[in-house]
Amino acid sequence: MLRSLPHRRLPGVRFELPAPAPDEVLPRMDIAFFVGFATRGPLGRAVAVESLTEFEAVYGMRIVLARDKRSGDPVQGLLHPAVRSFFSQGGRRCWVLRVTGEEVQAAVFPVPSMLLAQRSAGGWRVAPALLLAGSPGSGADALRVSARLDVKLLRVRPLPSSPGDLLLLDAAASGLQDVRSGDLLRIEVEGRRVHGRIDSIEDHGAQRRVMLRGLLALRAAAGASPALEVRRIERSVSAAPTSPDSVAAEGEWDDAGRLRVRCRLPASALPQRGEVIRLQFAQLTDGGWMSLEHVDLLQAAEPGRWPELALFGRPWLEDAAIDALAAWQASAQERVAQVLRLELQAQDAVTTTVSAPLRMAASAQQRQGSAFGLDEGTGFPLAAPPQDGELMWLPLAELADFEAGLGPLPSALSALERDGLARFSWTLFAEPVLSDCASDVLADRAEALRHAGRELRPLRGMHALFGGRAEALINEPTLLAVPDAVHPGWLPVPRIEVWVELPTLPEPPNPCAGEAFKDCDAVPLPAPRFLKGDDPDAEGSFTLYWTQVVPGATYRLEE
C-alpha cells in the first residue's frame, strides 16, 4: 500500500514589501498664536518668535493702558507676560499679532539740518525733512535720530550745455571711482550752493563726462541787501491745538552772519537743536530756512504767556542758479565739487544703535522703482514718508559726526491714543464680519472673505489664523491665546475744572496774643495772592504761581 508524502516547499528567497508610511505628519501641538496689545511692532502681519528676547526686540516691553480708578495703579497689557509665561514653561515657538484701532498714529521725526525738496509741475517745493516711525504707536518715543554727512571732493570743469535743468561737467576718471548715478553733487558758484543729481557718467578715456539734472540752489541770507527783517517763524508740524504753526518773532544779525531770533512758543512744543524752521522775512515772500544751532531759554513761562526763547542759526534762501551757472560756463573755470552722502543713525533708550545709508537724490522713474530712500532689510526703525516725483535731500549744515539726536515732534495726543487703543472693544481682537458665523461654516466664510477682492485680504485679530499673507503666517499654530481680551475696558477721565478757587480762610489766631513783649523789627507780611496759570499738560504737570509780596521773599509750599 502506497502512502502520499506531504507537499513540502523547496528552500528559496521571498520578497515582502512593507506598507508605505503615511505622507501626513502630525502637527506640532506646542505652537501658540498670541493676539494682543503692544507699544510697537508691525500691524496686520504676524511674526514668529522663538524667545522672549526676540519678542521684546519686535514688540517692546509691557504697555500701560489705563489706571485703576480706586487704587491709581497702572493697568498694563497682558501680551508680554503671556508670551513670557509661554517660554518660561518650555515653549519654543509662537506667533504674535499686534492689534490696534484705526486711530493708531506713527511718530514723526525731524532729520537734523536737512531739507527735502520735491519737484512738481510748478517747480521745486522745499520743506523740512521728516521721517516716520517704522511701526505706529508710542513705542518710538524713546528713539533719537542723528545724521552724518560724508563728503567726497571732486574737481570739475563746466562744459557747454543747454541752460535750465541740465549741467554737463568734465571730471578726471580717477576721482569718480566711488561715484555712482543718483549721488547728490554740490558746487559753490557765486556765493550759491548749487545742488544736482548725477544722472549719468560717460567714459571719455582719462576724462569722464558727468551729467547733472534737477538743479536747485541755496544762498546765505546774511548777504542780502538790505538786511532781512524776521517777522514770523513756522514749525513743520503743530505740536498741540493751542500751538500755531506760525508765531511772531524778532531777529538780530551778528557779524558772523548768524541770526538770533526771539520768539515765544508753548512749553510743550519747544524746538530741538538741529531742527529746521522756516523764517518769514518782511522783505521777501518766499521766506528762508534755518537749522537751529542753539536754543536758549530767555524767560520761563508766566501765567497766560509762553516762555521766551532765543534761536540761533544761519538762514538760507532758495535761489535760481541759471545766471551764476551761465557765467561759470563762460569762464570754463575748474572748481571743487562735493559728492554728498548721508547716513542716519537711530538710538533708543537702551543705547541700541542702528545706522543706515540714505539716497539723497532720485528721479521720478527711480522713485517708481523704489530706488530712493532707506534700503529695506537694514533694520532701521524709521522710514521716509511716501512721496511722488523727483526728490532731493539738501543739508543746511556740515554734519561731520553723529551729534545729539532729535526726538519725535511733540503731539497733543496721549500715548494710548497714538497706540490706537483709546476705545476698548471686542472688534480689536476679531473680524467683525465673521462674528455671527457658526463654527461649522467659519472656515469657509473666512476663506471666502479673504478672496473677496482682487488681492488676498488679511483677516483681523484671531481670525488671521485662517490665513494671511504667505510670508507672514504659516498654518502651524495649534493654540490660540487672546490675553488682553480679559480687560473690562476703560473710559476717559471726565473733564473737570482744573483750577478751583477755595473760599478765603479766616485769619489764624495771633500767636503773640497775651505776650508782654514783641519783636519790634518783625513786620507782618501780607498774604500772597494765587495766580491762575496754564492748564496741566498731557502728562499732568503744571506750574503754580503767586504774587511776590516783598522783593526777595521766599515761599514754602506744604501739602
Protein backbone atom coordinates (compact mmCIF):
# COMPACT_ATOMS: atom_id res chain seq x y z
CA MET A 1 0.00 0.00 0.00
CA LEU A 2 1.45 3.33 -1.08
CA ARG A 3 1.12 6.48 1.04
CA SER A 4 1.41 10.02 -0.47
CA LEU A 5 4.08 12.20 1.07
CA PRO A 6 3.07 15.71 2.28
CA HIS A 7 3.89 18.61 -0.07
CA ARG A 8 6.99 20.42 1.05
CA ARG A 9 8.26 23.75 -0.27
CA LEU A 10 11.75 23.92 -1.56
CA PRO A 11 14.12 26.42 0.14
CA GLY A 12 14.29 29.84 -1.58
CA VAL A 13 14.05 33.65 -1.18
CA ARG A 14 10.86 35.62 -0.72
CA PHE A 15 10.43 39.42 -1.02
CA GLU A 16 7.85 41.28 1.06
CA LEU A 17 7.07 44.98 0.56
CA PRO A 18 6.18 46.88 3.77
CA ALA A 19 3.13 49.12 3.75
CA PRO A 20 4.04 52.70 2.73
CA ALA A 21 4.23 55.23 5.56
CA PRO A 22 1.51 57.89 5.57
CA ASP A 23 2.51 61.16 3.95
CA GLU A 24 0.83 63.31 6.60
CA VAL A 25 2.89 64.22 9.63
CA LEU A 26 1.07 65.01 12.81
CA PRO A 27 1.29 68.73 13.50
CA ARG A 28 3.14 70.10 16.47
CA MET A 29 0.76 70.89 19.30
CA ASP A 30 3.03 73.28 21.19
CA ILE A 31 3.00 76.33 18.84
CA ALA A 32 0.77 79.16 20.08
CA PHE A 33 -0.75 82.17 18.34
CA PHE A 34 -0.94 85.27 20.58
CA VAL A 35 -3.15 88.28 19.81
CA GLY A 36 -2.80 91.39 21.96
CA PHE A 37 -1.58 94.94 22.62
CA ALA A 38 2.00 96.22 22.24
CA THR A 39 3.73 99.60 22.09
CA ARG A 40 5.33 98.86 18.72
CA GLY A 41 5.57 96.19 16.05
CA PRO A 42 4.06 95.51 12.63
CA LEU A 43 0.31 95.76 12.10
CA GLY A 44 -1.72 93.23 10.15
CA ARG A 45 1.20 90.80 10.00
CA ALA A 46 2.02 88.04 12.46
CA VAL A 47 5.64 87.45 13.42
CA ALA A 48 7.15 84.16 14.62
CA VAL A 49 9.43 84.44 17.67
CA GLU A 50 11.39 81.77 19.47
CA SER A 51 12.38 83.57 22.68
CA LEU A 52 11.29 86.40 24.91
CA THR A 53 14.28 88.42 23.70
CA GLU A 54 13.07 88.19 20.10
CA PHE A 55 9.57 89.22 21.19
CA GLU A 56 10.85 92.31 23.04
CA ALA A 57 13.06 93.27 20.10
CA VAL A 58 9.99 93.42 17.84
CA TYR A 59 7.14 94.41 20.17
CA GLY A 60 8.88 96.14 23.09
CA MET A 61 8.12 95.84 26.79
CA ARG A 62 4.76 95.96 28.54
CA ILE A 63 2.30 98.66 27.52
CA VAL A 64 0.45 100.84 30.03
CA LEU A 65 -3.25 101.00 29.13
CA ALA A 66 -5.00 102.87 31.94
CA ARG A 67 -5.03 103.45 35.69
CA ASP A 68 -7.23 101.79 38.24
CA LYS A 69 -10.00 104.12 39.35
CA ARG A 70 -9.68 103.24 43.02
CA SER A 71 -6.03 102.48 43.64
CA GLY A 72 -4.49 104.55 40.85
CA ASP A 73 -2.16 101.69 39.93
CA PRO A 74 -1.26 101.36 36.24
CA VAL A 75 -3.13 98.70 34.25
CA GLN A 76 -0.72 97.05 31.83
CA GLY A 77 -1.22 94.90 28.79
CA LEU A 78 -1.10 91.13 29.20
CA LEU A 79 0.53 90.15 25.90
CA HIS A 80 4.08 90.48 27.22
CA PRO A 81 3.52 88.42 30.42
CA ALA A 82 1.60 85.78 28.43
CA VAL A 83 4.48 85.31 26.00
CA ARG A 84 6.98 85.34 28.86
CA SER A 85 4.98 82.64 30.65
CA PHE A 86 4.81 80.60 27.44
CA PHE A 87 8.59 80.49 27.06
CA SER A 88 9.26 80.06 30.79
CA GLN A 89 7.12 76.90 30.77
CA GLY A 90 9.04 75.28 27.94
CA GLY A 91 7.51 76.84 24.83
CA ARG A 92 9.90 77.08 21.91
CA ARG A 93 8.00 78.86 19.14
CA CYS A 94 4.95 81.10 18.88
CA TRP A 95 3.32 83.59 16.55
CA VAL A 96 2.40 87.10 17.71
CA LEU A 97 -0.08 89.51 16.13
CA ARG A 98 -0.32 93.09 17.38
CA VAL A 99 -3.80 94.62 17.17
CA THR A 100 -4.82 98.29 17.37
CA GLY A 101 -7.69 100.54 16.41
CA GLU A 102 -7.91 102.54 13.22
CA GLU A 103 -6.72 105.70 15.02
CA VAL A 104 -3.16 104.48 15.53
CA GLN A 105 -0.54 107.08 14.55
CA ALA A 106 3.16 106.93 13.81
CA ALA A 107 5.64 109.31 15.43
CA VAL A 108 7.19 111.98 13.19
CA PHE A 109 10.93 112.70 13.48
CA PRO A 110 12.78 115.73 12.07
CA VAL A 111 16.06 114.93 10.33
CA PRO A 112 18.86 117.13 11.73
CA SER A 113 19.70 120.12 9.50
CA MET A 114 18.07 118.61 6.40
CA LEU A 115 15.58 119.90 3.84
CA LEU A 116 13.59 117.72 1.48
CA ALA A 117 12.89 119.16 -1.98
CA GLN A 118 10.12 117.65 -4.10
CA ARG A 119 9.69 118.62 -7.73
CA SER A 120 6.30 119.17 -9.30
CA ALA A 121 4.97 120.86 -12.42
CA GLY A 122 5.32 124.28 -10.77
CA GLY A 123 8.94 123.75 -9.71
CA TRP A 124 10.65 122.68 -6.53
CA ARG A 125 8.76 122.60 -3.24
CA VAL A 126 11.05 122.63 -0.20
CA ALA A 127 10.13 121.61 3.36
CA PRO A 128 11.94 120.30 6.45
CA ALA A 129 12.92 116.64 6.05
CA LEU A 130 10.83 114.29 8.16
CA LEU A 131 10.86 110.57 8.87
CA LEU A 132 8.06 108.34 10.13
CA ALA A 133 8.44 105.62 12.72
CA GLY A 134 8.50 102.21 11.07
CA SER A 135 5.83 100.89 13.43
CA PRO A 136 2.96 103.16 14.56
CA GLY A 137 2.39 103.79 18.24
CA SER A 138 4.13 105.27 21.24
CA GLY A 139 6.96 102.74 21.19
CA ALA A 140 9.11 105.10 19.09
CA ASP A 141 9.01 107.94 21.63
CA ALA A 142 12.38 106.90 23.07
CA LEU A 143 14.15 106.97 19.70
CA ARG A 144 16.66 109.67 18.81
CA VAL A 145 17.71 110.34 15.21
CA SER A 146 21.07 111.79 14.21
CA ALA A 147 22.82 112.19 10.87
CA ARG A 148 26.32 112.27 9.43
CA LEU A 149 27.33 113.75 6.08
CA ASP A 150 30.04 112.03 4.07
CA VAL A 151 31.76 114.45 1.66
CA LYS A 152 33.93 113.37 -1.27
CA LEU A 153 35.81 116.11 -3.17
CA LEU A 154 35.80 116.15 -6.96
CA ARG A 155 37.44 118.64 -9.33
CA VAL A 156 35.11 119.51 -12.20
CA ARG A 157 35.05 121.87 -15.18
CA PRO A 158 31.84 123.05 -16.90
CA LEU A 159 31.05 122.01 -20.47
CA PRO A 160 28.72 123.78 -22.90
CA SER A 161 25.14 122.67 -22.21
CA SER A 162 21.62 123.97 -22.53
CA PRO A 163 20.61 126.29 -19.69
CA GLY A 164 17.97 125.28 -17.23
CA ASP A 165 17.75 121.86 -15.68
CA LEU A 166 20.88 120.31 -17.24
CA LEU A 167 24.56 120.83 -16.44
CA LEU A 168 27.46 118.97 -18.06
CA LEU A 169 30.75 118.65 -16.17
CA ASP A 170 34.16 117.30 -17.08
CA ALA A 171 35.97 115.36 -14.34
CA ALA A 172 39.03 113.12 -14.09
CA ALA A 173 38.26 109.40 -14.13
CA SER A 174 40.43 108.85 -11.03
CA GLY A 175 38.13 110.98 -8.91
CA LEU A 176 34.97 109.10 -9.92
CA GLN A 177 35.92 105.65 -8.69
CA ASP A 178 33.33 105.59 -5.90
CA VAL A 179 30.80 107.95 -7.50
CA ARG A 180 27.64 106.48 -8.99
CA SER A 181 24.49 107.64 -10.68
CA GLY A 182 22.00 109.03 -8.18
CA ASP A 183 24.56 110.73 -5.92
CA LEU A 184 24.00 114.34 -4.89
CA LEU A 185 26.59 116.85 -6.14
CA ARG A 186 27.08 120.33 -4.64
CA ILE A 187 29.07 123.15 -6.24
CA GLU A 188 29.87 126.59 -4.80
CA VAL A 189 29.18 129.15 -7.56
CA GLU A 190 28.98 132.91 -6.99
CA GLY A 191 28.03 132.55 -3.31
CA ARG A 192 25.40 129.93 -4.08
CA ARG A 193 25.29 126.25 -3.28
CA VAL A 194 24.08 124.55 -6.44
CA HIS A 195 22.77 121.01 -5.90
CA GLY A 196 22.12 118.48 -8.62
CA ARG A 197 21.52 114.77 -9.10
CA ILE A 198 24.15 112.84 -11.04
CA ASP A 199 22.08 111.46 -13.88
CA SER A 200 24.81 109.67 -15.81
CA ILE A 201 28.59 109.27 -16.09
CA GLU A 202 30.04 108.76 -19.58
CA ASP A 203 33.52 107.42 -20.24
CA HIS A 204 35.84 109.53 -22.45
CA GLY A 205 39.24 107.97 -21.86
CA ALA A 206 41.04 109.59 -18.95
CA GLN A 207 38.17 112.01 -18.55
CA ARG A 208 34.55 111.39 -17.62
CA ARG A 209 31.52 113.45 -18.54
CA VAL A 210 29.11 113.93 -15.63
CA MET A 211 25.53 114.98 -16.34
CA LEU A 212 23.64 116.82 -13.58
CA ARG A 213 19.85 117.20 -13.53
CA GLY A 214 17.32 118.74 -11.18
CA LEU A 215 19.39 121.78 -10.25
CA LEU A 216 18.44 123.63 -7.06
CA ALA A 217 20.43 126.43 -5.41
CA LEU A 218 20.57 127.89 -1.89
CA ARG A 219 22.27 131.12 -0.88
CA ALA A 220 23.07 132.57 2.51
CA ALA A 221 20.55 135.12 3.71
CA ALA A 222 23.20 137.08 5.60
CA GLY A 223 24.47 138.70 2.40
CA ALA A 224 21.08 140.02 1.31
CA SER A 225 20.76 143.75 0.86
CA PRO A 226 19.07 145.39 2.65
CA ALA A 227 19.36 143.32 5.83
CA LEU A 228 16.39 140.99 6.15
CA GLU A 229 13.97 141.54 8.99
CA VAL A 230 12.34 138.46 10.56
CA ARG A 231 8.61 138.69 11.20
CA ARG A 232 7.46 135.12 11.91
CA ILE A 233 8.75 131.57 12.22
CA GLU A 234 7.00 128.33 11.25
CA ARG A 235 7.34 124.80 12.60
CA SER A 236 6.90 121.75 10.40
CA VAL A 237 4.06 120.24 12.48
CA SER A 238 1.75 121.72 15.08
CA ALA A 239 2.52 120.31 18.49
CA ALA A 240 -0.90 120.93 20.01
CA PRO A 241 -4.21 122.58 19.13
CA THR A 242 -3.11 125.65 21.09
CA SER A 243 0.25 125.76 19.32
CA PRO A 244 0.03 127.53 15.95
CA ASP A 245 2.30 126.65 13.06
CA SER A 246 3.42 130.28 12.82
CA VAL A 247 4.38 132.64 15.66
CA ALA A 248 5.65 136.22 15.72
CA ALA A 249 9.42 136.68 16.02
CA GLU A 250 12.16 139.30 16.01
CA GLY A 251 15.68 138.79 14.67
CA GLU A 252 19.14 140.28 15.10
CA TRP A 253 22.15 139.66 12.84
CA ASP A 254 25.69 139.31 14.16
CA ASP A 255 28.98 139.96 12.37
CA ALA A 256 29.46 136.24 11.59
CA GLY A 257 26.26 136.08 9.53
CA ARG A 258 24.23 134.26 12.16
CA LEU A 259 20.70 135.23 13.11
CA ARG A 260 19.34 135.42 16.65
CA VAL A 261 15.56 135.06 16.68
CA ARG A 262 13.45 135.90 19.73
CA CYS A 263 10.01 134.29 19.95
CA ARG A 264 7.54 132.69 22.34
CA LEU A 265 6.45 129.07 21.98
CA PRO A 266 4.42 126.69 24.18
CA ALA A 267 6.45 124.89 26.83
CA SER A 268 5.17 121.56 25.48
CA ALA A 269 6.44 122.30 21.95
CA LEU A 270 9.94 123.71 22.38
CA PRO A 271 12.16 123.21 19.29
CA GLN A 272 15.24 120.99 19.40
CA ARG A 273 18.80 121.80 18.50
CA GLY A 274 19.30 120.73 14.89
CA GLU A 275 15.65 121.13 13.91
CA VAL A 276 14.89 123.13 10.76
CA ILE A 277 12.40 126.00 10.96
CA ARG A 278 11.01 128.33 8.30
CA LEU A 279 11.56 132.08 8.55
CA GLN A 280 9.25 134.72 7.14
CA PHE A 281 11.04 137.96 6.30
CA ALA A 282 9.43 141.35 5.87
CA GLN A 283 11.21 141.95 2.53
CA LEU A 284 10.61 138.52 0.97
CA THR A 285 7.59 136.47 0.02
CA ASP A 286 9.12 133.02 -0.14
CA GLY A 287 10.99 133.12 3.17
CA GLY A 288 14.02 131.05 4.16
CA TRP A 289 15.20 128.10 6.21
CA MET A 290 17.40 127.89 9.30
CA SER A 291 18.89 124.93 11.15
CA LEU A 292 18.95 125.66 14.87
CA GLU A 293 22.49 125.71 16.24
CA HIS A 294 21.44 126.76 19.74
CA VAL A 295 18.16 127.11 21.64
CA ASP A 296 18.31 129.32 24.75
CA LEU A 297 15.55 129.95 27.28
CA LEU A 298 15.35 133.68 27.99
CA GLN A 299 12.28 133.76 30.22
CA ALA A 300 10.28 130.97 31.79
CA ALA A 301 6.56 130.60 31.31
CA GLU A 302 4.34 133.09 33.09
CA PRO A 303 0.60 132.99 33.72
CA GLY A 304 -1.05 133.43 30.34
CA ARG A 305 2.27 133.71 28.45
CA TRP A 306 4.51 131.16 26.75
CA PRO A 307 8.24 131.01 27.56
CA GLU A 308 10.53 133.28 25.56
CA LEU A 309 13.29 131.66 23.52
CA ALA A 310 16.35 132.71 21.53
CA LEU A 311 17.04 130.64 18.41
CA PHE A 312 20.45 130.81 16.70
CA GLY A 313 21.41 129.69 13.21
CA ARG A 314 22.40 130.60 9.63
CA PRO A 315 19.40 131.20 7.36
CA TRP A 316 19.38 130.06 3.74
CA LEU A 317 17.21 131.22 0.86
CA GLU A 318 16.09 129.38 -2.25
CA ASP A 319 17.65 130.90 -5.35
CA ALA A 320 17.75 130.49 -9.13
CA ALA A 321 21.20 129.43 -10.24
CA ILE A 322 20.86 129.96 -14.00
CA ASP A 323 22.74 133.29 -14.12
CA ALA A 324 25.57 132.08 -11.88
CA LEU A 325 25.94 128.84 -13.85
CA ALA A 326 25.95 130.70 -17.16
CA ALA A 327 28.84 132.90 -16.02
CA TRP A 328 30.75 129.87 -14.75
CA GLN A 329 30.24 128.01 -18.04
CA ALA A 330 31.51 131.00 -19.98
CA SER A 331 34.70 131.14 -17.89
CA ALA A 332 35.26 127.34 -18.00
CA GLN A 333 36.99 127.65 -14.64
CA GLU A 334 37.78 124.48 -12.70
CA ARG A 335 36.10 124.19 -9.29
CA VAL A 336 35.99 121.70 -6.45
CA ALA A 337 32.61 119.99 -6.16
CA GLN A 338 31.35 117.85 -3.31
CA VAL A 339 29.68 114.46 -3.64
CA LEU A 340 27.34 114.21 -0.64
CA ARG A 341 26.09 111.06 1.04
CA LEU A 342 24.04 110.89 4.20
CA GLU A 343 23.98 108.23 6.90
CA LEU A 344 21.24 108.16 9.51
CA GLN A 345 21.54 106.73 12.99
CA ALA A 346 18.73 105.78 15.39
CA GLN A 347 19.33 105.19 19.07
CA ASP A 348 16.80 104.06 21.65
CA ALA A 349 16.69 104.32 25.44
CA VAL A 350 18.86 101.24 25.98
CA THR A 351 21.63 102.63 23.72
CA THR A 352 20.87 100.26 20.88
CA THR A 353 22.18 101.95 17.73
CA VAL A 354 21.19 101.20 14.14
CA SER A 355 22.68 103.00 11.12
CA ALA A 356 21.56 103.06 7.52
CA PRO A 357 22.61 105.00 4.38
CA LEU A 358 20.09 107.26 2.69
CA ARG A 359 19.95 108.00 -1.02
CA MET A 360 19.89 111.78 -1.30
CA ALA A 361 18.61 112.21 -4.87
CA ALA A 362 16.39 110.29 -7.27
CA SER A 363 14.38 110.92 -10.40
CA ALA A 364 10.68 110.17 -10.79
CA GLN A 365 11.47 106.92 -12.61
CA GLN A 366 13.76 105.79 -9.82
CA ARG A 367 11.08 106.64 -7.29
CA GLN A 368 8.65 104.34 -9.07
CA GLY A 369 11.21 101.57 -8.80
CA SER A 370 11.69 102.18 -5.06
CA ALA A 371 15.28 103.24 -5.68
CA PHE A 372 15.15 106.17 -3.30
CA GLY A 373 15.30 106.38 0.46
CA LEU A 374 16.25 103.82 3.06
CA ASP A 375 17.12 100.34 1.88
CA GLU A 376 14.90 97.56 3.15
CA GLY A 377 16.48 94.92 5.31
CA THR A 378 18.77 97.31 7.22
CA GLY A 379 16.64 97.09 10.36
CA PHE A 380 16.35 100.88 10.53
CA PRO A 381 13.26 101.74 12.62
CA LEU A 382 12.31 104.83 10.57
CA ALA A 383 11.10 105.29 7.01
CA ALA A 384 10.70 108.20 4.60
CA PRO A 385 7.10 109.38 4.11
CA PRO A 386 5.51 108.24 0.85
CA GLN A 387 6.02 110.93 -1.81
CA ASP A 388 5.97 111.04 -5.57
CA GLY A 389 8.14 112.64 -8.21
CA GLU A 390 11.76 113.75 -8.14
CA LEU A 391 13.27 114.29 -4.68
CA MET A 392 16.49 115.70 -3.22
CA TRP A 393 17.72 115.95 0.37
CA LEU A 394 19.55 119.24 0.98
CA PRO A 395 21.87 119.72 4.00
CA LEU A 396 21.91 123.12 5.72
CA ALA A 397 24.90 122.33 7.95
CA GLU A 398 28.09 120.32 7.74
CA LEU A 399 27.19 117.21 9.74
CA ALA A 400 30.70 115.99 10.46
CA ASP A 401 29.67 113.36 13.00
CA PHE A 402 26.63 111.96 14.75
CA GLU A 403 25.70 114.60 17.30
CA ALA A 404 22.84 114.76 19.79
CA GLY A 405 19.87 113.06 18.20
CA LEU A 406 16.44 114.56 17.69
CA GLY A 407 13.35 113.08 19.31
CA PRO A 408 9.89 112.94 17.75
CA LEU A 409 7.85 116.07 17.25
CA PRO A 410 5.51 116.62 20.20
CA SER A 411 1.91 115.53 19.84
CA ALA A 412 -1.26 116.68 21.55
CA LEU A 413 -2.49 113.06 21.75
CA SER A 414 -1.77 110.78 24.67
CA ALA A 415 0.29 107.63 24.28
CA LEU A 416 -2.82 105.44 24.41
CA GLU A 417 -4.48 107.47 21.65
CA ARG A 418 -1.40 107.20 19.43
CA ASP A 419 -1.39 103.44 20.08
CA GLY A 420 -4.94 103.29 18.70
CA LEU A 421 -6.33 101.91 21.98
CA ALA A 422 -8.31 104.84 23.32
CA ARG A 423 -11.52 102.84 22.73
CA PHE A 424 -11.68 99.27 24.01
CA SER A 425 -13.89 96.87 22.07
CA TRP A 426 -14.05 93.21 21.05
CA THR A 427 -13.59 94.31 17.44
CA LEU A 428 -9.90 94.84 18.24
CA PHE A 429 -9.42 91.08 18.53
CA ALA A 430 -11.62 89.68 15.76
CA GLU A 431 -13.01 90.22 12.27
CA PRO A 432 -16.43 91.85 12.75
CA VAL A 433 -17.84 90.28 9.57
CA LEU A 434 -17.25 86.79 10.98
CA SER A 435 -18.73 87.46 14.41
CA ASP A 436 -22.06 85.69 13.75
CA CYS A 437 -20.64 82.64 11.93
CA ALA A 438 -21.12 79.21 13.46
CA SER A 439 -18.07 77.00 13.95
CA ASP A 440 -19.02 74.59 11.16
CA VAL A 441 -19.02 77.34 8.49
CA LEU A 442 -16.42 79.68 9.97
CA ALA A 443 -13.50 78.36 7.92
CA ASP A 444 -15.43 78.56 4.64
CA ARG A 445 -16.67 82.10 5.36
CA ALA A 446 -13.16 83.22 6.29
CA GLU A 447 -11.72 81.78 3.07
CA ALA A 448 -14.41 83.49 1.00
CA LEU A 449 -13.79 86.79 2.75
CA ARG A 450 -10.06 86.61 2.03
CA HIS A 451 -10.70 86.10 -1.69
CA ALA A 452 -13.48 88.69 -2.00
CA GLY A 453 -11.25 91.31 -3.66
CA ARG A 454 -8.59 91.33 -6.33
CA GLU A 455 -5.89 90.76 -3.74
CA LEU A 456 -5.89 88.46 -0.75
CA ARG A 457 -7.16 90.31 2.27
CA PRO A 458 -5.54 89.58 5.65
CA LEU A 459 -8.11 88.96 8.37
CA ARG A 460 -8.11 90.86 11.64
CA GLY A 461 -7.27 89.61 15.10
CA MET A 462 -7.65 85.95 15.97
CA HIS A 463 -9.31 85.24 12.61
CA ALA A 464 -5.90 85.77 10.99
CA LEU A 465 -5.34 82.10 11.83
CA PHE A 466 -7.49 81.26 8.82
CA GLY A 467 -4.89 82.75 6.51
CA GLY A 468 -2.94 85.85 5.74
CA ARG A 469 -0.05 86.90 3.59
CA ALA A 470 2.05 83.95 2.56
CA GLU A 471 5.22 85.41 4.05
CA ALA A 472 3.51 86.45 7.26
CA LEU A 473 1.77 83.41 8.68
CA ILE A 474 2.31 79.69 8.20
CA ASN A 475 -0.52 77.33 9.13
CA GLU A 476 1.31 75.81 12.06
CA PRO A 477 -0.17 77.34 15.26
CA THR A 478 -2.46 74.98 17.15
CA LEU A 479 -3.07 77.09 20.27
CA LEU A 480 -4.87 80.44 20.33
CA ALA A 481 -4.44 82.97 23.13
CA VAL A 482 -6.03 86.42 23.36
CA PRO A 483 -4.76 87.59 26.76
CA ASP A 484 -5.83 91.23 26.54
CA ALA A 485 -9.47 90.29 25.89
CA VAL A 486 -9.99 89.82 29.67
CA HIS A 487 -9.72 93.57 30.32
CA PRO A 488 -13.04 95.07 31.45
CA GLY A 489 -12.34 98.15 29.34
CA TRP A 490 -11.59 101.76 30.21
CA LEU A 491 -13.15 105.16 29.87
CA PRO A 492 -11.53 108.59 29.64
CA VAL A 493 -11.44 110.58 32.83
CA PRO A 494 -14.31 113.08 32.75
CA ARG A 495 -13.15 116.62 32.29
CA ILE A 496 -13.29 118.59 35.48
CA GLU A 497 -12.47 122.15 36.33
CA VAL A 498 -8.69 122.27 36.50
CA TRP A 499 -8.39 125.25 38.82
CA VAL A 500 -10.76 125.70 41.73
CA GLU A 501 -10.51 128.78 43.94
CA LEU A 502 -11.24 127.87 47.54
CA PRO A 503 -13.01 130.41 49.77
CA THR A 504 -10.79 132.71 51.78
CA LEU A 505 -9.90 131.15 55.09
CA PRO A 506 -10.28 133.16 58.29
CA GLU A 507 -7.17 134.72 59.73
CA PRO A 508 -5.33 132.37 62.10
CA PRO A 509 -5.18 133.34 65.76
CA ASN A 510 -2.40 135.69 66.74
CA PRO A 511 0.40 133.56 68.19
CA CYS A 512 1.72 136.57 70.10
CA ALA A 513 -1.55 137.30 71.92
CA GLY A 514 -1.06 137.57 75.65
CA GLU A 515 2.68 138.11 75.44
CA ALA A 516 4.23 141.07 77.18
CA PHE A 517 6.93 141.79 74.62
CA LYS A 518 7.03 141.68 70.80
CA ASP A 519 9.89 141.90 68.33
CA CYS A 520 9.99 145.50 67.18
CA ASP A 521 11.80 144.58 63.94
CA ALA A 522 9.24 141.98 62.86
CA VAL A 523 6.91 143.29 60.18
CA PRO A 524 3.88 141.12 59.23
CA LEU A 525 3.90 140.12 55.56
CA PRO A 526 0.71 140.41 53.52
CA ALA A 527 -0.65 137.12 52.27
CA PRO A 528 0.39 136.26 48.69
CA ARG A 529 -2.34 136.06 46.08
CA PHE A 530 -2.68 132.94 43.90
CA LEU A 531 -2.37 133.44 40.11
CA LYS A 532 -4.08 131.06 37.69
CA GLY A 533 -1.57 129.56 35.23
CA ASP A 534 -1.81 127.24 32.25
CA ASP A 535 -3.79 124.02 32.44
CA PRO A 536 -1.86 120.77 33.07
CA ASP A 537 -0.23 119.18 30.04
CA ALA A 538 -0.82 115.64 28.76
CA GLU A 539 1.46 114.23 31.49
CA GLY A 540 -0.42 116.05 34.24
CA SER A 541 2.36 118.54 35.05
CA PHE A 542 1.58 122.16 35.84
CA THR A 543 3.15 125.22 37.50
CA LEU A 544 1.81 127.20 40.44
CA TYR A 545 2.26 130.98 40.66
CA TRP A 546 1.83 133.55 43.44
CA THR A 547 2.30 137.27 43.68
CA GLN A 548 5.55 138.47 45.19
CA VAL A 549 4.62 140.44 48.29
CA VAL A 550 8.15 141.59 49.15
CA PRO A 551 11.22 141.56 46.86
CA GLY A 552 13.45 138.65 47.78
CA ALA A 553 10.82 136.81 49.81
CA THR A 554 10.93 133.01 49.67
CA TYR A 555 7.99 130.62 49.95
CA ARG A 556 7.47 127.09 51.19
CA LEU A 557 4.59 125.08 49.75
CA GLU A 558 3.12 122.47 52.11
CA GLU A 559 0.64 119.81 51.04
